[in-house]
Amino acid sequence: MFTVDGVQWSIPCDIKRVSEVRPSDISGMLLDKSYFNDVLGTYMQYEITLIPDPGSMADYYALYELLNSPVDGHTFVLPYNDSTVTLAARVSQVSDVYVRMPNGAVYWKGVSFTITANNPTKTMSLSNTIARGLTVLPEVTSPEVGDKYEWTGTTWQKVVET
């Protein structure tokens, strides 16, 4: 069972998940032959294959139309370990197979779709960043040359010199 944009779908399915620990563009091999891994975060990807009942295709058709809508993303609630995870994600591919039976009956089967989270599900915490000896920077949207910030133990504060 999973949810798309607040609508719960009870269509039987197989769900495959992939967690990609994604490096930034500055990651790579250093001159001393060690690898510098500047991790942006963990991005989730799910591939869901539906197993619809050929006699009851209405839900399947509705979900198919929702998934192939040309929008920037959907909100998904999917299984994650013993709980669920909520992802804002984009649909990258929707596929299925058209079947014509010898008796003339037709139906669609094997619909699968792949979604990729738009944001990381996990990022490195500040304490992990410091413990690993990495540079910690405040999240400032419009810094000016010469601005100084100090970590108070809970937040970054701009240092005002008098």
C-alpha atoms as a PDB file:
ATOM      1  CA  MET A   1       0.000   0.000   0.000  1.00  0.00           C
ATOM      2  CA  PHE A   2       1.288   3.489  -0.859  1.00  0.00           C
ATOM      3  CA  THR A   3      -0.013   7.047  -1.158  1.00  0.00           C
ATOM      4  CA  VAL A   4       0.331   9.543  -4.012  1.00  0.00           C
ATOM      5  CA  ASP A   5      -0.720  13.156  -3.398  1.00  0.00           C
ATOM      6  CA  GLY A   6      -2.838  12.147  -0.414  1.00  0.00           C
ATOM      7  CA  VAL A   7      -4.667   9.320  -2.209  1.00  0.00           C
ATOM      8  CA  GLN A   8      -4.035   5.822  -0.846  1.00  0.00           C
ATOM      9  CA  TRP A   9      -3.647   3.044  -3.430  1.00  0.00           C
ATOM     10  CA  SER A  10      -4.277  -0.549  -2.369  1.00  0.00           C
ATOM     11  CA  ILE A  11      -3.288  -2.126  -5.688  1.00  0.00           C
ATOM     12  CA  PRO A  12      -1.053  -5.177  -5.052  1.00  0.00           C
ATOM     13  CA  CYS A  13       2.533  -4.334  -5.953  1.00  0.00           C
ATOM     14  CA  ASP A  14       6.235  -5.110  -5.675  1.00  0.00           C
ATOM     15  CA  ILE A  15       8.403  -2.252  -4.405  1.00  0.00           C
ATOM     16  CA  LYS A  16      12.140  -1.949  -4.933  1.00  0.00           C
ATOM     17  CA  ARG A  17      14.057   0.864  -3.232  1.00  0.00           C
ATOM     18  CA  VAL A  18      17.515   2.250  -3.812  1.00  0.00           C
ATOM     19  CA  SER A  19      19.338   4.641  -1.478  1.00  0.00           C
ATOM     20  CA  GLU A  20      21.912   6.695  -3.346  1.00  0.00           C
ATOM     21  CA  VAL A  21      24.518   8.403  -1.181  1.00  0.00           C
ATOM     22  CA  ARG A  22      25.184  11.194  -3.675  1.00  0.00           C
ATOM     23  CA  PRO A  23      28.540  13.020  -3.812  1.00  0.00           C
ATOM     24  CA  SER A  24      28.888  16.673  -4.806  1.00  0.00           C
ATOM     25  CA  ASP A  25      30.677  17.859  -7.933  1.00  0.00           C
ATOM     26  CA  ILE A  26      33.849  18.559  -5.950  1.00  0.00           C
ATOM     27  CA  SER A  27      34.214  14.912  -4.904  1.00  0.00           C
ATOM     28  CA  GLY A  28      36.929  12.937  -6.579  1.00  0.00           C
ATOM     29  CA  MET A  29      40.441  11.570  -6.609  1.00  0.00           C
ATOM     30  CA  LEU A  30      43.072  13.744  -4.923  1.00  0.00           C
ATOM     31  CA  LEU A  31      46.731  14.014  -5.920  1.00  0.00           C
ATOM     32  CA  ASP A  32      47.740  11.668  -3.074  1.00  0.00           C
ATOM     33  CA  LYS A  33      45.453   9.023  -4.659  1.00  0.00           C
ATOM     34  CA  SER A  34      42.896   9.207  -1.841  1.00  0.00           C
ATOM     35  CA  TYR A  35      39.248   9.828  -2.646  1.00  0.00           C
ATOM     36  CA  PHE A  36      37.583  12.983  -1.313  1.00  0.00           C
ATOM     37  CA  ASN A  37      33.877  12.267  -0.843  1.00  0.00           C
ATOM     38  CA  ASP A  38      31.868  15.433  -0.265  1.00  0.00           C
ATOM     39  CA  VAL A  39      28.450  13.880   0.412  1.00  0.00           C
ATOM     40  CA  LEU A  40      25.359  15.927  -0.403  1.00  0.00           C
ATOM     41  CA  GLY A  41      22.994  13.435   1.212  1.00  0.00           C
ATOM     42  CA  THR A  42      21.051  10.225   0.724  1.00  0.00           C
ATOM     43  CA  TYR A  43      18.490  10.350  -2.087  1.00  0.00           C
ATOM     44  CA  MET A  44      15.798   7.686  -2.254  1.00  0.00           C
ATOM     45  CA  GLN A  45      14.593   6.063  -5.451  1.00  0.00           C
ATOM     46  CA  TYR A  46      11.679   3.637  -5.623  1.00  0.00           C
ATOM     47  CA  GLU A  47      10.587   1.372  -8.456  1.00  0.00           C
ATOM     48  CA  ILE A  48       7.033   0.135  -8.035  1.00  0.00           C
ATOM     49  CA  THR A  49       5.508  -2.631 -10.146  1.00  0.00           C
ATOM     50  CA  LEU A  50       1.751  -2.980  -9.874  1.00  0.00           C
ATOM     51  CA  ILE A  51      -0.058  -6.303 -10.083  1.00  0.00           C
ATOM     52  CA  PRO A  52      -3.563  -5.202 -11.120  1.00  0.00           C
ATOM     53  CA  ASP A  53      -6.574  -7.496 -11.306  1.00  0.00           C
ATOM     54  CA  PRO A  54      -7.559  -7.671 -15.016  1.00  0.00           C
ATOM     55  CA  GLY A  55     -11.221  -7.613 -14.007  1.00  0.00           C
ATOM     56  CA  SER A  56     -10.895  -4.371 -12.039  1.00  0.00           C
ATOM     57  CA  MET A  57      -8.826  -1.824 -13.892  1.00  0.00           C
ATOM     58  CA  ALA A  58     -10.440   1.487 -12.821  1.00  0.00           C
ATOM     59  CA  ASP A  59      -7.935   2.201 -10.013  1.00  0.00           C
ATOM     60  CA  TYR A  60      -5.068   1.187 -12.258  1.00  0.00           C
ATOM     61  CA  TYR A  61      -6.187   3.601 -15.011  1.00  0.00           C
ATOM     62  CA  ALA A  62      -6.629   6.450 -12.521  1.00  0.00           C
ATOM     63  CA  LEU A  63      -3.166   5.913 -11.044  1.00  0.00           C
ATOM     64  CA  TYR A  64      -1.600   5.651 -14.512  1.00  0.00           C
ATOM     65  CA  GLU A  65      -3.112   9.024 -15.493  1.00  0.00           C
ATOM     66  CA  LEU A  66      -1.909  10.611 -12.249  1.00  0.00           C
ATOM     67  CA  LEU A  67       1.639   9.313 -12.655  1.00  0.00           C
ATOM     68  CA  ASN A  68       2.144  10.421 -16.245  1.00  0.00           C
ATOM     69  CA  SER A  69       0.851  13.956 -15.619  1.00  0.00           C
ATOM     70  CA  PRO A  70       3.495  16.469 -16.733  1.00  0.00           C
ATOM     71  CA  VAL A  71       4.126  17.981 -13.296  1.00  0.00           C
ATOM     72  CA  ASP A  72       7.336  18.686 -11.381  1.00  0.00           C
ATOM     73  CA  GLY A  73       6.596  16.040  -8.763  1.00  0.00           C
ATOM     74  CA  HIS A  74       4.183  14.358  -6.387  1.00  0.00           C
ATOM     75  CA  THR A  75       4.103  13.625  -2.668  1.00  0.00           C
ATOM     76  CA  PHE A  76       4.579   9.906  -2.025  1.00  0.00           C
ATOM     77  CA  VAL A  77       4.211   7.970   1.217  1.00  0.00           C
ATOM     78  CA  LEU A  78       6.011   4.659   0.817  1.00  0.00           C
ATOM     79  CA  PRO A  79       7.156   1.774   3.012  1.00  0.00           C
ATOM     80  CA  TYR A  80      10.495   2.347   4.752  1.00  0.00           C
ATOM     81  CA  ASN A  81      11.822  -0.319   7.122  1.00  0.00           C
ATOM     82  CA  ASP A  82       9.125  -0.807   9.816  1.00  0.00           C
ATOM     83  CA  SER A  83       7.459   2.509   9.014  1.00  0.00           C
ATOM     84  CA  THR A  84       6.939   4.848   6.068  1.00  0.00           C
ATOM     85  CA  VAL A  85       8.791   7.706   4.422  1.00  0.00           C
ATOM     86  CA  THR A  86       7.239  10.781   2.817  1.00  0.00           C
ATOM     87  CA  LEU A  87       9.002  11.981  -0.305  1.00  0.00           C
ATOM     88  CA  ALA A  88       8.528  14.880  -2.666  1.00  0.00           C
ATOM     89  CA  ALA A  89       9.617  13.056  -5.807  1.00  0.00           C
ATOM     90  CA  ARG A  90       9.570  13.183  -9.566  1.00  0.00           C
ATOM     91  CA  VAL A  91       8.275  10.374 -11.753  1.00  0.00           C
ATOM     92  CA  SER A  92      10.915   9.492 -14.321  1.00  0.00           C
ATOM     93  CA  GLN A  93       9.274   6.606 -16.130  1.00  0.00           C
ATOM     94  CA  VAL A  94       5.907   4.848 -16.324  1.00  0.00           C
ATOM     95  CA  SER A  95       5.665   1.655 -18.373  1.00  0.00           C
ATOM     96  CA  ASP A  96       3.269  -1.237 -18.883  1.00  0.00           C
ATOM     97  CA  VAL A  97       2.337  -3.977 -21.367  1.00  0.00           C
ATOM     98  CA  TYR A  98      -0.816  -4.261 -23.501  1.00  0.00           C
ATOM     99  CA  VAL A  99      -2.165  -7.846 -23.604  1.00  0.00           C
ATOM    100  CA  ARG A 100      -4.707  -9.248 -26.077  1.00  0.00           C
ATOM    101  CA  MET A 101      -6.018 -12.670 -25.098  1.00  0.00           C
ATOM    102  CA  PRO A 102      -7.065 -15.367 -27.649  1.00  0.00           C
ATOM    103  CA  ASN A 103     -10.711 -14.806 -26.638  1.00  0.00           C
ATOM    104  CA  GLY A 104     -10.423 -11.099 -27.628  1.00  0.00           C
ATOM    105  CA  ALA A 105     -10.210  -9.728 -24.084  1.00  0.00           C
ATOM    106  CA  VAL A 106      -7.629  -6.972 -23.635  1.00  0.00           C
ATOM    107  CA  TYR A 107      -5.984  -5.481 -20.574  1.00  0.00           C
ATOM    108  CA  TRP A 108      -2.829  -3.740 -19.401  1.00  0.00           C
ATOM    109  CA  LYS A 109      -0.389  -5.508 -17.084  1.00  0.00           C
ATOM    110  CA  GLY A 110       2.951  -5.001 -15.423  1.00  0.00           C
ATOM    111  CA  VAL A 111       2.749  -1.273 -14.928  1.00  0.00           C
ATOM    112  CA  SER A 112       5.880  -0.029 -13.265  1.00  0.00           C
ATOM    113  CA  PHE A 113       7.050   3.428 -12.394  1.00  0.00           C
ATOM    114  CA  THR A 114      10.216   4.905 -11.000  1.00  0.00           C
ATOM    115  CA  ILE A 115      10.365   7.881  -8.679  1.00  0.00           C
ATOM    116  CA  THR A 116      13.388   9.783  -7.405  1.00  0.00           C
ATOM    117  CA  ALA A 117      13.289  12.084  -4.386  1.00  0.00           C
ATOM    118  CA  ASN A 118      13.739  15.778  -5.152  1.00  0.00           C
ATOM    119  CA  ASN A 119      15.565  16.332  -1.842  1.00  0.00           C
ATOM    120  CA  PRO A 120      17.872  14.218   0.281  1.00  0.00           C
ATOM    121  CA  THR A 121      16.145  12.041   2.864  1.00  0.00           C
ATOM    122  CA  LYS A 122      19.248  12.118   5.043  1.00  0.00           C
ATOM    123  CA  THR A 123      22.081  14.647   5.376  1.00  0.00           C
ATOM    124  CA  MET A 124      25.141  14.786   7.591  1.00  0.00           C
ATOM    125  CA  SER A 125      24.410  16.359  10.971  1.00  0.00           C
ATOM    126  CA  LEU A 126      26.443  19.293  12.224  1.00  0.00           C
ATOM    127  CA  SER A 127      28.085  17.169  14.943  1.00  0.00           C
ATOM    128  CA  ASN A 128      29.101  14.521  12.357  1.00  0.00           C
ATOM    129  CA  THR A 129      30.513  17.233  10.111  1.00  0.00           C
ATOM    130  CA  ILE A 130      32.617  18.649  12.951  1.00  0.00           C
ATOM    131  CA  ALA A 131      33.706  15.186  14.172  1.00  0.00           C
ATOM    132  CA  ARG A 132      34.953  14.346  10.673  1.00  0.00           C
ATOM    133  CA  GLY A 133      37.008  17.541  10.509  1.00  0.00           C
ATOM    134  CA  LEU A 134      35.023  19.034   7.645  1.00  0.00           C
ATOM    135  CA  THR A 135      34.442  22.745   7.165  1.00  0.00           C
ATOM    136  CA  VAL A 136      31.213  23.873   8.744  1.00  0.00           C
ATOM    137  CA  LEU A 137      29.503  26.827   7.113  1.00  0.00           C
ATOM    138  CA  PRO A 138      26.459  28.784   8.252  1.00  0.00           C
ATOM    139  CA  GLU A 139      23.382  28.672   6.033  1.00  0.00           C
ATOM    140  CA  VAL A 140      23.394  32.319   4.968  1.00  0.00           C
ATOM    141  CA  THR A 141      21.540  33.367   1.836  1.00  0.00           C
ATOM    142  CA  SER A 142      23.089  36.817   1.314  1.00  0.00           C
ATOM    143  CA  PRO A 143      26.488  37.102   2.998  1.00  0.00           C
ATOM    144  CA  GLU A 144      28.604  40.191   2.458  1.00  0.00           C
ATOM    145  CA  VAL A 145      32.377  40.372   2.227  1.00  0.00           C
ATOM    146  CA  GLY A 146      33.792  40.543   5.738  1.00  0.00           C
ATOM    147  CA  ASP A 147      30.778  39.026   7.528  1.00  0.00           C
ATOM    148  CA  LYS A 148      31.728  36.819  10.469  1.00  0.00           C
ATOM    149  CA  TYR A 149      29.570  34.162  12.101  1.00  0.00           C
ATOM    150  CA  GLU A 150      29.968  32.313  15.376  1.00  0.00           C
ATOM    151  CA  TRP A 151      28.461  28.957  16.392  1.00  0.00           C
ATOM    152  CA  THR A 152      26.712  29.307  19.761  1.00  0.00           C
ATOM    153  CA  GLY A 153      26.214  25.594  20.234  1.00  0.00           C
ATOM    154  CA  THR A 154      22.708  25.682  18.787  1.00  0.00           C
ATOM    155  CA  THR A 155      22.662  28.362  16.067  1.00  0.00           C
ATOM    156  CA  TRP A 156      24.907  30.555  13.951  1.00  0.00           C
ATOM    157  CA  GLN A 157      25.020  34.206  15.035  1.00  0.00           C
ATOM    158  CA  LYS A 158      26.468  37.072  13.005  1.00  0.00           C
ATOM    159  CA  VAL A 159      29.337  38.686  14.901  1.00  0.00           C
ATOM    160  CA  VAL A 160      28.769  42.414  15.216  1.00  0.00           C
ATOM    161  CA  GLU A 161      32.029  44.203  15.863  1.00  0.00           C
ATOM    162  CA  THR A 162      31.827  47.491  17.749  1.00  0.00           C
END
